[in-house]
Amino acid sequence: MVMEEKTKIHFGCGSYRLDGWINVDLDRSGRPDVVADLRENIPFQSRSVDYIHSEDFVDQLELDKAYHFFEESHRILKDDGVMRVLTPNLYEFARRYVKQDRSLVRLWDEQIGLPLRTRRMCEIFNLGMRLGGHTFLYDGETLCQVLRECGFEPQRTRYRQSRHEALRGLDIRSPKTGVSLYYDCYKAKKIGRNNSLPLIDRIRSLKTLLPW
């Protein structure tokens, strides 16, 4: 009996190409199989993909663009398809800052290596929020809300662990080398997003209320 080959898409691959996967990125320097701007419509047919893997990508998107990315991912996944999402954990990052957990300094030195002028936690927190293309960082509750509004049922999992063999052992960033959220996401009924003002308009409105 011939087993049907699974279609597996790796979004935001950068220079980390996965063998047996279709690697997709806008940056050509990483030699992706497909060059695409994932802020726009994803160039795959509806219900054509079995697995999606995305690590340290959605934090590069404005929130409204992240909604669009997840909605498009939902569209292209088969009904029994699964999407794995990894992204920096804002709650854990902030918790370590508030607790003045010096493990962040060690993590910075070992994984980032950029010189720090003050070597204070405040400097690490500021740089960590701004470097690496970070645009919108998530805590677990917010990420799950966005995913559910886009039609997914997220299930939190652990580093390189999954119920699905195709999704095991792929993750780069471990709890020892970063602060990340790990989720396997299953297709479910869309509950619809909160269609309030777009982010840029909310920011403009907020600025009119600030005293400075």
N, C-alpha and C. Protein backbone atom coordinates (compact mmCIF):
# COMPACT_ATOMS: atom_id res chain seq x y z
N MET A 1 0.84 -1.19 0.00
CA MET A 1 0.00 0.00 0.00
C MET A 1 0.88 1.25 0.00
N VAL A 2 0.64 2.17 -0.92
CA VAL A 2 1.43 3.39 -1.03
C VAL A 2 0.85 4.45 -0.10
N MET A 3 1.69 4.97 0.79
CA MET A 3 1.26 6.00 1.71
C MET A 3 1.27 7.35 1.01
N GLU A 4 0.23 8.13 1.21
CA GLU A 4 0.15 9.46 0.62
C GLU A 4 1.21 10.36 1.26
N GLU A 5 1.99 11.06 0.42
CA GLU A 5 3.00 11.95 0.93
C GLU A 5 2.35 13.18 1.54
N LYS A 6 2.80 13.55 2.73
CA LYS A 6 2.23 14.68 3.44
C LYS A 6 2.84 15.99 2.93
N THR A 7 2.02 17.02 2.84
CA THR A 7 2.50 18.34 2.47
C THR A 7 2.80 19.12 3.74
N LYS A 8 4.07 19.51 3.89
CA LYS A 8 4.53 20.16 5.11
C LYS A 8 5.17 21.50 4.74
N ILE A 9 4.69 22.57 5.37
CA ILE A 9 5.15 23.91 5.04
C ILE A 9 5.84 24.53 6.25
N HIS A 10 7.02 25.08 6.01
CA HIS A 10 7.79 25.76 7.06
C HIS A 10 7.78 27.25 6.76
N PHE A 11 7.02 28.01 7.55
CA PHE A 11 6.86 29.44 7.31
C PHE A 11 7.88 30.26 8.11
N GLY A 12 8.46 31.25 7.43
CA GLY A 12 9.46 32.10 8.07
C GLY A 12 10.73 31.34 8.38
N CYS A 13 11.20 30.57 7.40
CA CYS A 13 12.30 29.63 7.64
C CYS A 13 13.63 30.33 7.90
N GLY A 14 13.84 31.53 7.34
CA GLY A 14 15.14 32.16 7.45
C GLY A 14 16.21 31.26 6.84
N SER A 15 17.31 31.08 7.55
CA SER A 15 18.39 30.22 7.06
C SER A 15 18.25 28.79 7.56
N TYR A 16 17.20 28.51 8.34
CA TYR A 16 17.00 27.18 8.93
C TYR A 16 16.03 26.39 8.06
N ARG A 17 16.56 25.67 7.09
CA ARG A 17 15.73 24.89 6.18
C ARG A 17 15.47 23.51 6.76
N LEU A 18 14.22 23.06 6.66
CA LEU A 18 13.85 21.72 7.12
C LEU A 18 13.78 20.78 5.94
N ASP A 19 14.49 19.68 6.02
CA ASP A 19 14.46 18.67 4.96
C ASP A 19 13.07 18.04 4.88
N GLY A 20 12.56 17.88 3.66
CA GLY A 20 11.26 17.26 3.46
C GLY A 20 10.11 18.24 3.63
N TRP A 21 10.43 19.49 3.90
CA TRP A 21 9.42 20.53 4.04
C TRP A 21 9.57 21.55 2.93
N ILE A 22 8.48 22.27 2.63
CA ILE A 22 8.54 23.40 1.72
C ILE A 22 8.87 24.62 2.57
N ASN A 23 10.07 25.14 2.41
CA ASN A 23 10.55 26.25 3.23
C ASN A 23 10.18 27.57 2.57
N VAL A 24 9.52 28.45 3.32
CA VAL A 24 8.97 29.69 2.76
C VAL A 24 9.49 30.89 3.54
N ASP A 25 9.96 31.89 2.81
CA ASP A 25 10.41 33.12 3.45
C ASP A 25 10.46 34.22 2.39
N LEU A 26 10.43 35.46 2.85
CA LEU A 26 10.57 36.60 1.94
C LEU A 26 12.03 36.88 1.61
N ASP A 27 12.92 36.57 2.55
CA ASP A 27 14.35 36.82 2.39
C ASP A 27 14.98 35.70 1.55
N ARG A 28 15.50 36.08 0.39
CA ARG A 28 16.08 35.08 -0.52
C ARG A 28 17.43 34.54 -0.05
N SER A 29 18.07 35.23 0.90
CA SER A 29 19.42 34.82 1.30
C SER A 29 19.45 33.44 1.95
N GLY A 30 18.33 33.02 2.53
CA GLY A 30 18.26 31.70 3.14
C GLY A 30 17.90 30.60 2.17
N ARG A 31 17.78 30.94 0.89
CA ARG A 31 17.44 30.00 -0.19
C ARG A 31 16.14 29.24 0.09
N PRO A 32 15.05 29.96 0.35
CA PRO A 32 13.77 29.27 0.57
C PRO A 32 13.28 28.61 -0.71
N ASP A 33 12.47 27.58 -0.57
CA ASP A 33 11.88 26.92 -1.73
C ASP A 33 10.84 27.82 -2.39
N VAL A 34 10.15 28.60 -1.57
CA VAL A 34 9.14 29.53 -2.06
C VAL A 34 9.41 30.89 -1.43
N VAL A 35 9.51 31.92 -2.27
CA VAL A 35 9.66 33.28 -1.78
C VAL A 35 8.27 33.91 -1.70
N ALA A 36 7.88 34.35 -0.51
CA ALA A 36 6.54 34.91 -0.34
C ALA A 36 6.52 35.87 0.83
N ASP A 37 5.71 36.92 0.68
CA ASP A 37 5.48 37.87 1.76
C ASP A 37 4.29 37.36 2.57
N LEU A 38 4.57 36.80 3.74
CA LEU A 38 3.54 36.14 4.54
C LEU A 38 2.63 37.13 5.27
N ARG A 39 2.87 38.41 5.07
CA ARG A 39 1.92 39.42 5.57
C ARG A 39 0.72 39.52 4.64
N GLU A 40 0.87 38.98 3.43
CA GLU A 40 -0.20 39.02 2.43
C GLU A 40 -0.79 37.62 2.28
N ASN A 41 -1.59 37.40 1.25
CA ASN A 41 -2.21 36.09 1.04
C ASN A 41 -1.14 35.03 0.79
N ILE A 42 -1.31 33.88 1.41
CA ILE A 42 -0.33 32.80 1.30
C ILE A 42 -0.56 32.03 0.00
N PRO A 43 0.49 31.79 -0.78
CA PRO A 43 0.34 31.20 -2.12
C PRO A 43 0.18 29.68 -2.13
N PHE A 44 -0.79 29.16 -1.38
CA PHE A 44 -1.11 27.73 -1.41
C PHE A 44 -2.62 27.57 -1.46
N GLN A 45 -3.06 26.48 -2.06
CA GLN A 45 -4.48 26.25 -2.22
C GLN A 45 -5.15 25.92 -0.88
N SER A 46 -6.42 26.21 -0.82
CA SER A 46 -7.19 25.91 0.39
C SER A 46 -7.22 24.40 0.66
N ARG A 47 -7.13 24.04 1.93
CA ARG A 47 -7.18 22.64 2.40
C ARG A 47 -6.20 21.74 1.63
N SER A 48 -4.98 22.23 1.45
CA SER A 48 -3.98 21.46 0.69
C SER A 48 -2.77 21.05 1.52
N VAL A 49 -2.70 21.49 2.79
CA VAL A 49 -1.50 21.31 3.60
C VAL A 49 -1.81 20.47 4.83
N ASP A 50 -0.90 19.54 5.13
CA ASP A 50 -1.07 18.67 6.30
C ASP A 50 -0.46 19.27 7.57
N TYR A 51 0.73 19.86 7.43
CA TYR A 51 1.43 20.39 8.60
C TYR A 51 2.06 21.74 8.29
N ILE A 52 2.02 22.62 9.28
CA ILE A 52 2.71 23.91 9.23
C ILE A 52 3.60 24.02 10.44
N HIS A 53 4.81 24.51 10.22
CA HIS A 53 5.72 24.80 11.32
C HIS A 53 6.18 26.24 11.19
N SER A 54 6.14 26.98 12.31
CA SER A 54 6.57 28.38 12.31
C SER A 54 7.21 28.70 13.64
N GLU A 55 8.47 29.09 13.60
CA GLU A 55 9.20 29.39 14.83
C GLU A 55 9.78 30.80 14.76
N ASP A 56 9.52 31.59 15.80
CA ASP A 56 10.06 32.95 15.90
C ASP A 56 9.76 33.77 14.65
N PHE A 57 8.51 33.67 14.19
CA PHE A 57 8.08 34.46 13.03
C PHE A 57 6.92 35.39 13.35
N VAL A 58 5.88 34.90 14.02
CA VAL A 58 4.69 35.73 14.22
C VAL A 58 4.99 36.97 15.05
N ASP A 59 6.04 36.92 15.87
CA ASP A 59 6.41 38.11 16.64
C ASP A 59 6.98 39.21 15.76
N GLN A 60 7.28 38.89 14.49
CA GLN A 60 7.79 39.88 13.55
C GLN A 60 6.66 40.68 12.90
N LEU A 61 5.42 40.26 13.13
CA LEU A 61 4.27 40.86 12.46
C LEU A 61 3.51 41.80 13.39
N GLU A 62 2.98 42.88 12.80
CA GLU A 62 1.99 43.68 13.53
C GLU A 62 0.80 42.77 13.85
N LEU A 63 0.07 43.10 14.91
CA LEU A 63 -1.01 42.22 15.35
C LEU A 63 -2.04 41.96 14.25
N ASP A 64 -2.44 42.99 13.52
CA ASP A 64 -3.43 42.80 12.45
C ASP A 64 -2.90 41.86 11.37
N LYS A 65 -1.60 41.96 11.06
CA LYS A 65 -1.00 41.07 10.06
C LYS A 65 -0.88 39.64 10.60
N ALA A 66 -0.69 39.51 11.91
CA ALA A 66 -0.64 38.17 12.51
C ALA A 66 -2.00 37.50 12.39
N TYR A 67 -3.08 38.27 12.63
CA TYR A 67 -4.42 37.71 12.42
C TYR A 67 -4.56 37.20 11.00
N HIS A 68 -4.12 37.98 10.03
CA HIS A 68 -4.25 37.57 8.63
C HIS A 68 -3.42 36.32 8.35
N PHE A 69 -2.21 36.26 8.90
CA PHE A 69 -1.36 35.09 8.71
C PHE A 69 -2.03 33.83 9.27
N PHE A 70 -2.59 33.93 10.46
CA PHE A 70 -3.24 32.76 11.06
C PHE A 70 -4.51 32.38 10.29
N GLU A 71 -5.26 33.35 9.83
CA GLU A 71 -6.46 33.06 9.03
C GLU A 71 -6.08 32.36 7.73
N GLU A 72 -5.01 32.81 7.10
CA GLU A 72 -4.53 32.18 5.87
C GLU A 72 -4.01 30.77 6.15
N SER A 73 -3.31 30.60 7.26
CA SER A 73 -2.83 29.26 7.63
C SER A 73 -4.00 28.32 7.85
N HIS A 74 -5.05 28.82 8.50
CA HIS A 74 -6.27 28.03 8.70
C HIS A 74 -6.87 27.64 7.36
N ARG A 75 -6.87 28.56 6.42
CA ARG A 75 -7.47 28.31 5.10
C ARG A 75 -6.74 27.19 4.36
N ILE A 76 -5.41 27.19 4.40
CA ILE A 76 -4.67 26.23 3.57
C ILE A 76 -4.53 24.86 4.24
N LEU A 77 -4.76 24.78 5.56
CA LEU A 77 -4.66 23.49 6.24
C LEU A 77 -5.84 22.59 5.89
N LYS A 78 -5.56 21.31 5.74
CA LYS A 78 -6.64 20.32 5.65
C LYS A 78 -7.39 20.30 6.97
N ASP A 79 -8.59 19.72 6.96
CA ASP A 79 -9.41 19.72 8.17
C ASP A 79 -8.74 19.01 9.32
N ASP A 80 -7.90 18.02 9.03
CA ASP A 80 -7.18 17.31 10.09
C ASP A 80 -5.72 17.77 10.19
N GLY A 81 -5.42 18.90 9.56
CA GLY A 81 -4.06 19.43 9.59
C GLY A 81 -3.73 20.05 10.93
N VAL A 82 -2.43 20.25 11.17
CA VAL A 82 -1.94 20.80 12.43
C VAL A 82 -0.87 21.85 12.14
N MET A 83 -0.93 22.94 12.87
CA MET A 83 0.09 23.99 12.78
C MET A 83 0.84 24.07 14.10
N ARG A 84 2.15 24.05 14.04
CA ARG A 84 2.98 24.23 15.24
C ARG A 84 3.52 25.65 15.24
N VAL A 85 3.32 26.35 16.36
CA VAL A 85 3.74 27.74 16.49
C VAL A 85 4.64 27.89 17.71
N LEU A 86 5.80 28.49 17.49
CA LEU A 86 6.71 28.85 18.58
C LEU A 86 6.96 30.35 18.48
N THR A 87 6.94 31.02 19.62
CA THR A 87 7.18 32.46 19.63
C THR A 87 7.68 32.86 21.01
N PRO A 88 8.44 33.95 21.12
CA PRO A 88 8.91 34.38 22.44
C PRO A 88 7.76 34.59 23.43
N ASN A 89 8.02 34.24 24.67
CA ASN A 89 7.02 34.29 25.74
C ASN A 89 7.19 35.61 26.51
N LEU A 90 6.34 36.59 26.21
CA LEU A 90 6.45 37.89 26.86
C LEU A 90 6.28 37.78 28.37
N TYR A 91 5.34 36.96 28.82
CA TYR A 91 5.11 36.82 30.26
C TYR A 91 6.37 36.35 30.97
N GLU A 92 7.01 35.32 30.44
CA GLU A 92 8.20 34.79 31.10
C GLU A 92 9.35 35.79 31.06
N PHE A 93 9.49 36.48 29.94
CA PHE A 93 10.53 37.50 29.82
C PHE A 93 10.31 38.61 30.85
N ALA A 94 9.06 39.09 30.95
CA ALA A 94 8.74 40.15 31.90
C ALA A 94 8.86 39.67 33.35
N ARG A 95 8.46 38.42 33.59
CA ARG A 95 8.55 37.86 34.95
C ARG A 95 10.00 37.84 35.43
N ARG A 96 10.89 37.43 34.54
CA ARG A 96 12.30 37.39 34.93
C ARG A 96 12.85 38.79 35.18
N TYR A 97 12.38 39.75 34.39
CA TYR A 97 12.81 41.14 34.61
C TYR A 97 12.32 41.64 35.96
N VAL A 98 11.04 41.45 36.25
CA VAL A 98 10.47 41.95 37.50
C VAL A 98 11.16 41.29 38.70
N LYS A 99 11.45 39.99 38.58
CA LYS A 99 12.11 39.26 39.66
C LYS A 99 13.62 39.52 39.71
N GLN A 100 14.11 40.30 38.72
CA GLN A 100 15.55 40.56 38.61
C GLN A 100 16.34 39.25 38.57
N ASP A 101 15.85 38.34 37.75
CA ASP A 101 16.45 37.03 37.57
C ASP A 101 17.70 37.17 36.70
N ARG A 102 18.86 36.99 37.31
CA ARG A 102 20.12 37.21 36.59
C ARG A 102 20.39 36.16 35.52
N SER A 103 19.55 35.14 35.46
CA SER A 103 19.72 34.17 34.37
C SER A 103 19.53 34.84 33.01
N LEU A 104 18.79 35.96 32.97
CA LEU A 104 18.63 36.69 31.72
C LEU A 104 19.96 37.25 31.22
N VAL A 105 20.81 37.68 32.15
CA VAL A 105 22.12 38.20 31.75
C VAL A 105 22.95 37.08 31.13
N ARG A 106 22.95 35.91 31.77
CA ARG A 106 23.69 34.77 31.23
C ARG A 106 23.13 34.36 29.87
N LEU A 107 21.80 34.35 29.76
CA LEU A 107 21.16 34.00 28.50
C LEU A 107 21.56 34.99 27.41
N TRP A 108 21.58 36.26 27.76
CA TRP A 108 21.98 37.30 26.80
C TRP A 108 23.41 37.08 26.33
N ASP A 109 24.31 36.86 27.27
CA ASP A 109 25.72 36.68 26.93
C ASP A 109 25.94 35.46 26.06
N GLU A 110 25.24 34.37 26.37
CA GLU A 110 25.46 33.12 25.64
C GLU A 110 24.77 33.08 24.29
N GLN A 111 23.57 33.67 24.17
CA GLN A 111 22.78 33.52 22.96
C GLN A 111 22.80 34.76 22.06
N ILE A 112 22.93 35.94 22.64
CA ILE A 112 22.92 37.16 21.85
C ILE A 112 24.33 37.69 21.64
N GLY A 113 25.04 37.87 22.73
CA GLY A 113 26.46 38.24 22.64
C GLY A 113 26.74 39.70 22.37
N LEU A 114 25.69 40.53 22.21
CA LEU A 114 25.93 41.95 22.00
C LEU A 114 26.37 42.59 23.30
N PRO A 115 27.34 43.53 23.23
CA PRO A 115 27.81 44.17 24.46
C PRO A 115 26.71 44.99 25.12
N LEU A 116 26.71 44.98 26.44
CA LEU A 116 25.76 45.75 27.23
C LEU A 116 26.51 46.87 27.94
N ARG A 117 25.99 48.08 27.82
CA ARG A 117 26.68 49.22 28.43
C ARG A 117 26.52 49.22 29.94
N THR A 118 25.33 48.92 30.42
CA THR A 118 25.09 48.97 31.86
C THR A 118 25.08 47.59 32.51
N ARG A 119 24.78 46.57 31.71
CA ARG A 119 24.60 45.20 32.19
C ARG A 119 23.50 45.11 33.24
N ARG A 120 22.55 46.03 33.15
CA ARG A 120 21.39 46.00 34.03
C ARG A 120 20.25 45.29 33.34
N MET A 121 19.33 44.76 34.16
CA MET A 121 18.18 44.05 33.61
C MET A 121 17.31 44.96 32.75
N CYS A 122 17.24 46.23 33.11
CA CYS A 122 16.46 47.19 32.34
C CYS A 122 16.97 47.28 30.91
N GLU A 123 18.28 47.29 30.75
CA GLU A 123 18.86 47.37 29.40
C GLU A 123 18.53 46.11 28.60
N ILE A 124 18.63 44.95 29.23
CA ILE A 124 18.32 43.70 28.55
C ILE A 124 16.85 43.66 28.14
N PHE A 125 15.96 44.12 29.03
CA PHE A 125 14.54 44.10 28.71
C PHE A 125 14.23 45.01 27.53
N ASN A 126 14.80 46.21 27.53
CA ASN A 126 14.58 47.13 26.42
C ASN A 126 15.11 46.57 25.11
N LEU A 127 16.34 46.08 25.12
CA LEU A 127 16.92 45.55 23.89
C LEU A 127 16.19 44.30 23.43
N GLY A 128 15.81 43.45 24.38
CA GLY A 128 15.11 42.22 24.03
C GLY A 128 13.77 42.47 23.35
N MET A 129 13.11 43.57 23.73
CA MET A 129 11.83 43.91 23.12
C MET A 129 12.00 44.48 21.72
N ARG A 130 13.16 45.06 21.43
CA ARG A 130 13.32 45.81 20.19
C ARG A 130 14.17 45.11 19.14
N LEU A 131 15.13 44.28 19.56
CA LEU A 131 16.02 43.66 18.60
C LEU A 131 15.39 42.44 17.94
N GLY A 132 16.03 41.95 16.90
CA GLY A 132 15.59 40.72 16.25
C GLY A 132 14.32 40.86 15.45
N GLY A 133 13.92 42.10 15.15
CA GLY A 133 12.72 42.29 14.36
C GLY A 133 11.43 42.15 15.14
N HIS A 134 11.52 42.07 16.48
CA HIS A 134 10.30 41.93 17.28
C HIS A 134 9.36 43.11 17.06
N THR A 135 8.10 42.78 16.80
CA THR A 135 7.08 43.79 16.56
C THR A 135 5.95 43.68 17.57
N PHE A 136 5.51 42.44 17.83
CA PHE A 136 4.44 42.20 18.80
C PHE A 136 4.73 40.89 19.50
N LEU A 137 5.03 40.96 20.80
CA LEU A 137 5.31 39.76 21.58
C LEU A 137 4.06 39.33 22.33
N TYR A 138 3.91 38.01 22.50
CA TYR A 138 2.69 37.42 23.07
C TYR A 138 2.95 36.78 24.42
N ASP A 139 1.92 36.86 25.28
CA ASP A 139 1.85 35.92 26.38
C ASP A 139 0.92 34.79 25.94
N GLY A 140 0.83 33.74 26.72
CA GLY A 140 0.06 32.58 26.31
C GLY A 140 -1.41 32.88 26.10
N GLU A 141 -2.01 33.68 26.99
CA GLU A 141 -3.44 33.97 26.89
C GLU A 141 -3.76 34.73 25.62
N THR A 142 -2.95 35.72 25.29
CA THR A 142 -3.21 36.52 24.10
C THR A 142 -3.02 35.71 22.83
N LEU A 143 -1.96 34.91 22.78
CA LEU A 143 -1.75 34.09 21.59
C LEU A 143 -2.91 33.13 21.40
N CYS A 144 -3.37 32.50 22.48
CA CYS A 144 -4.50 31.57 22.37
C CYS A 144 -5.77 32.28 21.91
N GLN A 145 -6.00 33.48 22.39
CA GLN A 145 -7.18 34.23 21.95
C GLN A 145 -7.12 34.49 20.45
N VAL A 146 -5.98 34.96 19.98
CA VAL A 146 -5.84 35.25 18.55
C VAL A 146 -6.03 33.98 17.73
N LEU A 147 -5.42 32.89 18.16
CA LEU A 147 -5.54 31.62 17.43
C LEU A 147 -6.98 31.14 17.38
N ARG A 148 -7.69 31.24 18.50
CA ARG A 148 -9.09 30.78 18.53
C ARG A 148 -9.97 31.66 17.63
N GLU A 149 -9.72 32.95 17.64
CA GLU A 149 -10.50 33.83 16.77
C GLU A 149 -10.25 33.52 15.30
N CYS A 150 -9.09 32.95 15.00
CA CYS A 150 -8.75 32.59 13.62
C CYS A 150 -9.13 31.15 13.27
N GLY A 151 -9.78 30.45 14.19
CA GLY A 151 -10.29 29.13 13.88
C GLY A 151 -9.46 27.96 14.36
N PHE A 152 -8.55 28.19 15.30
CA PHE A 152 -7.70 27.12 15.82
C PHE A 152 -8.05 26.82 17.27
N GLU A 153 -7.77 25.59 17.67
CA GLU A 153 -7.79 25.21 19.07
C GLU A 153 -6.34 24.91 19.46
N PRO A 154 -5.68 25.84 20.16
CA PRO A 154 -4.27 25.64 20.51
C PRO A 154 -4.10 24.73 21.71
N GLN A 155 -3.10 23.88 21.66
CA GLN A 155 -2.76 23.02 22.79
C GLN A 155 -1.29 23.23 23.11
N ARG A 156 -1.04 23.67 24.33
CA ARG A 156 0.34 23.97 24.71
C ARG A 156 1.13 22.67 24.83
N THR A 157 2.34 22.70 24.35
CA THR A 157 3.18 21.52 24.41
C THR A 157 4.58 21.93 24.86
N ARG A 158 5.55 21.07 24.68
CA ARG A 158 6.90 21.33 25.16
C ARG A 158 7.91 21.27 24.03
N TYR A 159 9.09 21.71 24.35
CA TYR A 159 10.20 21.76 23.38
C TYR A 159 10.39 20.41 22.68
N ARG A 160 10.26 20.45 21.35
CA ARG A 160 10.48 19.29 20.47
C ARG A 160 9.54 18.12 20.75
N GLN A 161 8.44 18.37 21.47
CA GLN A 161 7.47 17.32 21.74
C GLN A 161 6.15 17.63 21.04
N SER A 162 5.52 16.58 20.53
CA SER A 162 4.23 16.72 19.84
C SER A 162 3.57 15.36 19.77
N ARG A 163 2.25 15.35 19.67
CA ARG A 163 1.53 14.11 19.42
C ARG A 163 1.79 13.62 18.00
N HIS A 164 2.32 14.49 17.15
CA HIS A 164 2.47 14.18 15.73
C HIS A 164 3.95 14.03 15.38
N GLU A 165 4.29 12.88 14.85
CA GLU A 165 5.69 12.58 14.57
C GLU A 165 6.33 13.63 13.67
N ALA A 166 5.57 14.12 12.70
CA ALA A 166 6.11 15.10 11.75
C ALA A 166 6.52 16.40 12.42
N LEU A 167 5.97 16.68 13.59
CA LEU A 167 6.24 17.95 14.27
C LEU A 167 7.22 17.82 15.43
N ARG A 168 7.71 16.62 15.67
CA ARG A 168 8.65 16.41 16.77
C ARG A 168 10.08 16.74 16.34
N GLY A 169 10.85 17.26 17.28
CA GLY A 169 12.28 17.44 17.06
C GLY A 169 12.65 18.56 16.12
N LEU A 170 11.73 19.48 15.82
CA LEU A 170 12.00 20.53 14.85
C LEU A 170 12.48 21.82 15.50
N ASP A 171 12.11 22.05 16.75
CA ASP A 171 12.32 23.35 17.38
C ASP A 171 13.81 23.66 17.55
N ILE A 172 14.15 24.92 17.30
CA ILE A 172 15.53 25.37 17.52
C ILE A 172 15.72 25.85 18.95
N ARG A 173 14.82 26.73 19.39
CA ARG A 173 15.02 27.41 20.66
C ARG A 173 14.46 26.58 21.81
N SER A 174 15.35 26.20 22.73
CA SER A 174 14.97 25.38 23.88
C SER A 174 14.79 26.27 25.10
N PRO A 175 14.23 25.74 26.19
CA PRO A 175 14.13 26.54 27.43
C PRO A 175 15.49 26.99 27.95
N LYS A 176 16.56 26.34 27.55
CA LYS A 176 17.90 26.75 27.98
C LYS A 176 18.47 27.88 27.14
N THR A 177 17.91 28.08 25.95
CA THR A 177 18.46 29.09 25.03
C THR A 177 17.48 30.21 24.71
N GLY A 178 16.35 30.25 25.41
CA GLY A 178 15.37 31.29 25.15
C GLY A 178 14.17 31.17 26.08
N VAL A 179 13.22 32.07 25.90
CA VAL A 179 11.95 32.01 26.64
C VAL A 179 10.85 31.95 25.58
N SER A 180 10.32 30.77 25.35
CA SER A 180 9.40 30.55 24.22
C SER A 180 8.10 29.90 24.65
N LEU A 181 7.07 30.13 23.84
CA LEU A 181 5.80 29.41 23.90
C LEU A 181 5.81 28.35 22.82
N TYR A 182 5.26 27.16 23.13
CA TYR A 182 5.19 26.06 22.17
C TYR A 182 3.74 25.59 22.08
N TYR A 183 3.16 25.65 20.88
CA TYR A 183 1.77 25.25 20.69
C TYR A 183 1.60 24.41 19.44
N ASP A 184 0.81 23.34 19.56
CA ASP A 184 0.25 22.64 18.40
C ASP A 184 -1.19 23.12 18.25
N CYS A 185 -1.57 23.51 17.05
CA CYS A 185 -2.86 24.17 16.82
C CYS A 185 -3.70 23.37 15.84
N TYR A 186 -4.93 23.06 16.24
CA TYR A 186 -5.83 22.23 15.46
C TYR A 186 -6.98 23.06 14.91
N LYS A 187 -7.45 22.71 13.74
CA LYS A 187 -8.54 23.45 13.15
C LYS A 187 -9.83 23.24 13.95
N ALA A 188 -10.52 24.34 14.17
CA ALA A 188 -11.78 24.30 14.88
C ALA A 188 -12.69 25.35 14.25
N LYS A 189 -13.84 25.57 14.85
CA LYS A 189 -14.77 26.56 14.32
C LYS A 189 -14.28 27.96 14.67
N LYS A 190 -14.30 28.85 13.67
CA LYS A 190 -13.90 30.23 13.91
C LYS A 190 -14.90 30.91 14.84
N ILE A 191 -14.36 31.70 15.79
CA ILE A 191 -15.24 32.50 16.64
C ILE A 191 -15.23 33.96 16.23
N GLY A 192 -14.35 34.30 15.29
CA GLY A 192 -14.31 35.67 14.77
C GLY A 192 -13.46 36.57 15.63
N ARG A 193 -12.77 37.48 14.96
CA ARG A 193 -11.88 38.38 15.68
C ARG A 193 -12.64 39.59 16.22
N ASN A 194 -11.99 40.27 17.14
CA ASN A 194 -12.51 41.52 17.68
C ASN A 194 -12.19 42.62 16.68
N ASN A 195 -13.17 43.01 15.87
CA ASN A 195 -12.93 43.95 14.79
C ASN A 195 -13.10 45.40 15.28
N SER A 196 -12.28 45.77 16.24
CA SER A 196 -12.25 47.16 16.65
C SER A 196 -11.32 47.91 15.71
N LEU A 197 -10.91 49.10 16.08
CA LEU A 197 -10.05 49.88 15.20
C LEU A 197 -8.77 49.12 14.88
N PRO A 198 -8.22 49.26 13.65
CA PRO A 198 -6.91 48.70 13.36
C PRO A 198 -5.88 49.23 14.34
N LEU A 199 -4.79 48.49 14.49
CA LEU A 199 -3.78 48.82 15.50
C LEU A 199 -3.26 50.24 15.33
N ILE A 200 -2.93 50.65 14.12
CA ILE A 200 -2.35 51.97 13.91
C ILE A 200 -3.33 53.06 14.34
N ASP A 201 -4.65 52.83 14.08
CA ASP A 201 -5.66 53.81 14.50
C ASP A 201 -5.82 53.82 16.01
N ARG A 202 -5.69 52.66 16.66
CA ARG A 202 -5.78 52.61 18.12
C ARG A 202 -4.62 53.38 18.75
N ILE A 203 -3.43 53.25 18.14
CA ILE A 203 -2.27 53.97 18.65
C ILE A 203 -2.48 55.47 18.52
N ARG A 204 -2.98 55.90 17.35
CA ARG A 204 -3.24 57.33 17.16
C ARG A 204 -4.25 57.85 18.18
N SER A 205 -5.29 57.05 18.43
CA SER A 205 -6.31 57.46 19.40
C SER A 205 -5.72 57.55 20.79
N LEU A 206 -4.85 56.58 21.14
CA LEU A 206 -4.23 56.56 22.47
C LEU A 206 -3.36 57.79 22.67
N LYS A 207 -2.62 58.18 21.62
CA LYS A 207 -1.73 59.32 21.73
C LYS A 207 -2.48 60.61 22.08
N THR A 208 -3.73 60.71 21.61
CA THR A 208 -4.50 61.93 21.91
C THR A 208 -4.91 61.99 23.38
N LEU A 209 -4.85 60.83 24.08
CA LEU A 209 -5.25 60.80 25.49
C LEU A 209 -4.08 60.94 26.44
N LEU A 210 -2.86 60.73 25.92
CA LEU A 210 -1.69 60.77 26.79
C LEU A 210 -1.31 62.21 27.12
N PRO A 211 -0.87 62.45 28.33
CA PRO A 211 -0.51 63.81 28.73
C PRO A 211 0.85 64.26 28.27
N TRP A 212 1.63 63.36 27.64
CA TRP A 212 2.99 63.77 27.21
C TRP A 212 3.16 63.60 25.71
